[in-house]
C-alpha atoms as a PDB file:
ATOM      1  CA  MET A   1      99.484 148.015  95.888  1.00  0.00           C
ATOM      2  CA  LYS A   2     102.229 148.550  93.323  1.00  0.00           C
ATOM      3  CA  LYS A   3     101.732 151.076  90.514  1.00  0.00           C
ATOM      4  CA  ILE A   4     103.337 150.753  87.098  1.00  0.00           C
ATOM      5  CA  ALA A   5     103.337 153.661  84.623  1.00  0.00           C
ATOM      6  CA  VAL A   6     103.472 153.258  80.848  1.00  0.00           C
ATOM      7  CA  PRO A   7     103.623 156.163  78.367  1.00  0.00           C
ATOM      8  CA  VAL A   8     100.928 155.467  75.791  1.00  0.00           C
ATOM      9  CA  GLN A   9      99.634 156.535  72.439  1.00  0.00           C
ATOM     10  CA  GLY A  10      96.212 154.941  72.307  1.00  0.00           C
ATOM     11  CA  ASN A  11      96.685 151.506  73.879  1.00  0.00           C
ATOM     12  CA  ASN A  12     100.280 151.089  72.728  1.00  0.00           C
ATOM     13  CA  VAL A  13     103.572 151.924  74.394  1.00  0.00           C
ATOM     14  CA  SER A  14     104.634 155.307  73.034  1.00  0.00           C
ATOM     15  CA  THR A  15     107.957 155.319  71.212  1.00  0.00           C
ATOM     16  CA  HIS A  16     108.999 158.536  73.012  1.00  0.00           C
ATOM     17  CA  PHE A  17     107.889 158.680  76.618  1.00  0.00           C
ATOM     18  CA  GLY A  18     108.234 162.462  77.021  1.00  0.00           C
ATOM     19  CA  HIS A  19     105.944 163.217  74.104  1.00  0.00           C
ATOM     20  CA  ALA A  20     103.345 160.541  74.863  1.00  0.00           C
ATOM     21  CA  PRO A  21      99.843 162.038  75.069  1.00  0.00           C
ATOM     22  CA  ALA A  22      99.161 160.135  78.297  1.00  0.00           C
ATOM     23  CA  PHE A  23     100.377 157.574  80.802  1.00  0.00           C
ATOM     24  CA  LYS A  24      98.463 154.492  81.875  1.00  0.00           C
ATOM     25  CA  ILE A  25      98.937 153.772  85.549  1.00  0.00           C
ATOM     26  CA  PHE A  26      98.371 150.087  86.301  1.00  0.00           C
ATOM     27  CA  SER A  27      97.589 149.143  89.904  1.00  0.00           C
ATOM     28  CA  VAL A  28      98.932 145.689  90.733  1.00  0.00           C
ATOM     29  CA  GLU A  29      98.229 143.511  93.754  1.00  0.00           C
ATOM     30  CA  ASP A  30      99.425 139.921  94.227  1.00  0.00           C
ATOM     31  CA  ASN A  31     101.032 140.136  90.763  1.00  0.00           C
ATOM     32  CA  GLN A  32      97.592 140.772  89.192  1.00  0.00           C
ATOM     33  CA  ILE A  33      96.454 143.968  87.470  1.00  0.00           C
ATOM     34  CA  LYS A  34      93.497 145.252  89.467  1.00  0.00           C
ATOM     35  CA  LYS A  35      92.816 148.477  87.550  1.00  0.00           C
ATOM     36  CA  ASN A  36      94.345 151.092  85.308  1.00  0.00           C
ATOM     37  CA  GLU A  37      93.797 154.776  84.974  1.00  0.00           C
ATOM     38  CA  VAL A  38      94.916 157.373  82.474  1.00  0.00           C
ATOM     39  CA  LEU A  39      97.005 160.376  83.449  1.00  0.00           C
ATOM     40  CA  GLU A  40      97.287 163.050  80.764  1.00  0.00           C
ATOM     41  CA  ASN A  41     100.791 164.294  79.958  1.00  0.00           C
ATOM     42  CA  PRO A  42     100.952 167.952  81.070  1.00  0.00           C
ATOM     43  CA  GLY A  43     103.905 168.675  78.766  1.00  0.00           C
ATOM     44  CA  HIS A  44     107.501 167.813  77.986  1.00  0.00           C
ATOM     45  CA  GLU A  45     109.691 169.632  80.486  1.00  0.00           C
ATOM     46  CA  PRO A  46     112.844 168.147  82.057  1.00  0.00           C
ATOM     47  CA  GLY A  47     112.106 166.786  85.523  1.00  0.00           C
ATOM     48  CA  LEU A  48     108.322 167.240  85.323  1.00  0.00           C
ATOM     49  CA  LEU A  49     107.278 163.683  84.436  1.00  0.00           C
ATOM     50  CA  PRO A  50     109.342 161.841  87.072  1.00  0.00           C
ATOM     51  CA  LYS A  51     107.831 164.066  89.781  1.00  0.00           C
ATOM     52  CA  LEU A  52     104.312 163.762  88.337  1.00  0.00           C
ATOM     53  CA  LEU A  53     104.484 159.972  88.166  1.00  0.00           C
ATOM     54  CA  SER A  54     106.087 159.735  91.595  1.00  0.00           C
ATOM     55  CA  ASP A  55     103.250 161.837  93.028  1.00  0.00           C
ATOM     56  CA  ALA A  56     100.809 159.429  91.311  1.00  0.00           C
ATOM     57  CA  GLY A  57     102.428 156.565  93.226  1.00  0.00           C
ATOM     58  CA  ALA A  58     104.314 154.933  90.341  1.00  0.00           C
ATOM     59  CA  GLU A  59     107.163 152.648  91.395  1.00  0.00           C
ATOM     60  CA  VAL A  60     108.030 151.418  87.894  1.00  0.00           C
ATOM     61  CA  ILE A  61     107.948 152.991  84.431  1.00  0.00           C
ATOM     62  CA  ILE A  62     107.935 150.749  81.382  1.00  0.00           C
ATOM     63  CA  ALA A  63     108.959 152.585  78.212  1.00  0.00           C
ATOM     64  CA  SER A  64     110.195 151.985  74.700  1.00  0.00           C
ATOM     65  CA  GLY A  65     113.285 154.131  75.148  1.00  0.00           C
ATOM     66  CA  MET A  66     114.578 156.928  77.320  1.00  0.00           C
ATOM     67  CA  GLY A  67     117.647 159.142  77.566  1.00  0.00           C
ATOM     68  CA  GLN A  68     120.125 158.775  80.411  1.00  0.00           C
ATOM     69  CA  LYS A  69     119.155 162.122  81.977  1.00  0.00           C
ATOM     70  CA  ALA A  70     115.515 161.006  82.204  1.00  0.00           C
ATOM     71  CA  ILE A  71     116.538 157.630  83.623  1.00  0.00           C
ATOM     72  CA  THR A  72     118.574 159.395  86.318  1.00  0.00           C
ATOM     73  CA  LEU A  73     115.635 161.672  87.194  1.00  0.00           C
ATOM     74  CA  PHE A  74     113.256 158.713  87.500  1.00  0.00           C
ATOM     75  CA  GLU A  75     115.749 156.858  89.698  1.00  0.00           C
ATOM     76  CA  LYS A  76     116.096 159.942  91.940  1.00  0.00           C
ATOM     77  CA  ASN A  77     112.313 159.759  92.361  1.00  0.00           C
ATOM     78  CA  LYS A  78     112.657 156.070  93.315  1.00  0.00           C
ATOM     79  CA  ILE A  79     111.024 154.835  90.105  1.00  0.00           C
ATOM     80  CA  GLU A  80     112.511 151.737  88.465  1.00  0.00           C
ATOM     81  CA  VAL A  81     113.039 152.200  84.712  1.00  0.00           C
ATOM     82  CA  ILE A  82     112.412 149.397  82.215  1.00  0.00           C
ATOM     83  CA  CYS A  83     113.221 150.206  78.557  1.00  0.00           C
ATOM     84  CA  GLY A  84     112.659 148.198  75.413  1.00  0.00           C
ATOM     85  CA  ALA A  85     108.885 147.672  75.566  1.00  0.00           C
ATOM     86  CA  LYS A  86     106.819 147.613  72.375  1.00  0.00           C
ATOM     87  CA  GLY A  87     103.220 146.943  71.422  1.00  0.00           C
ATOM     88  CA  GLU A  88     100.249 147.064  73.754  1.00  0.00           C
ATOM     89  CA  ALA A  89     100.811 148.638  77.163  1.00  0.00           C
ATOM     90  CA  LEU A  90      98.755 145.937  78.907  1.00  0.00           C
ATOM     91  CA  THR A  91     100.886 143.196  77.343  1.00  0.00           C
ATOM     92  CA  ALA A  92     104.091 144.997  78.371  1.00  0.00           C
ATOM     93  CA  VAL A  93     102.913 145.164  81.986  1.00  0.00           C
ATOM     94  CA  GLU A  94     101.836 141.508  81.954  1.00  0.00           C
ATOM     95  CA  ASN A  95     105.251 140.532  80.545  1.00  0.00           C
ATOM     96  CA  TYR A  96     106.950 142.579  83.270  1.00  0.00           C
ATOM     97  CA  LEU A  97     104.876 140.874  85.971  1.00  0.00           C
ATOM     98  CA  ASN A  98     105.780 137.473  84.519  1.00  0.00           C
ATOM     99  CA  ASN A  99     109.506 138.314  84.367  1.00  0.00           C
ATOM    100  CA  LYS A 100     109.468 138.271  80.565  1.00  0.00           C
ATOM    101  CA  LEU A 101     110.313 141.956  80.099  1.00  0.00           C
ATOM    102  CA  LYS A 102     113.824 143.091  80.924  1.00  0.00           C
ATOM    103  CA  THR A 103     115.615 146.411  80.578  1.00  0.00           C
ATOM    104  CA  THR A 104     117.467 146.756  77.297  1.00  0.00           C
ATOM    105  CA  ASP A 105     119.994 149.259  76.020  1.00  0.00           C
ATOM    106  CA  ASN A 106     117.177 150.909  74.061  1.00  0.00           C
ATOM    107  CA  ALA A 107     117.796 154.377  75.458  1.00  0.00           C
ATOM    108  CA  CYS A 108     117.182 157.495  73.413  1.00  0.00           C
ATOM    109  CA  SER A 109     120.222 159.343  72.153  1.00  0.00           C
ATOM    110  CA  HIS A 110     118.563 162.773  72.357  1.00  0.00           C
END
């Protein structure tokens, strides 16, 4: 089962992944979402979130934007980074599963 993480504020993709109150972890099997769970954000500290999400089994993170340092840390934890998502987290994951969501240059500058 593949796990996809999305930083959320309510049900929407958070505009700044590191400060998102929580992450939704979507479990996917046969390209179908089987369940999702919420993982509270323990705090914004460099290197903490990639390790936390890796330990939760995430293989992909879908975010609005992200700095290059964070992208590098996620990649070191073998988590694929997709930037440029907006709107509802569920819709972003569905678009990713249907090859309609692609990485953009929407990386944070700070």
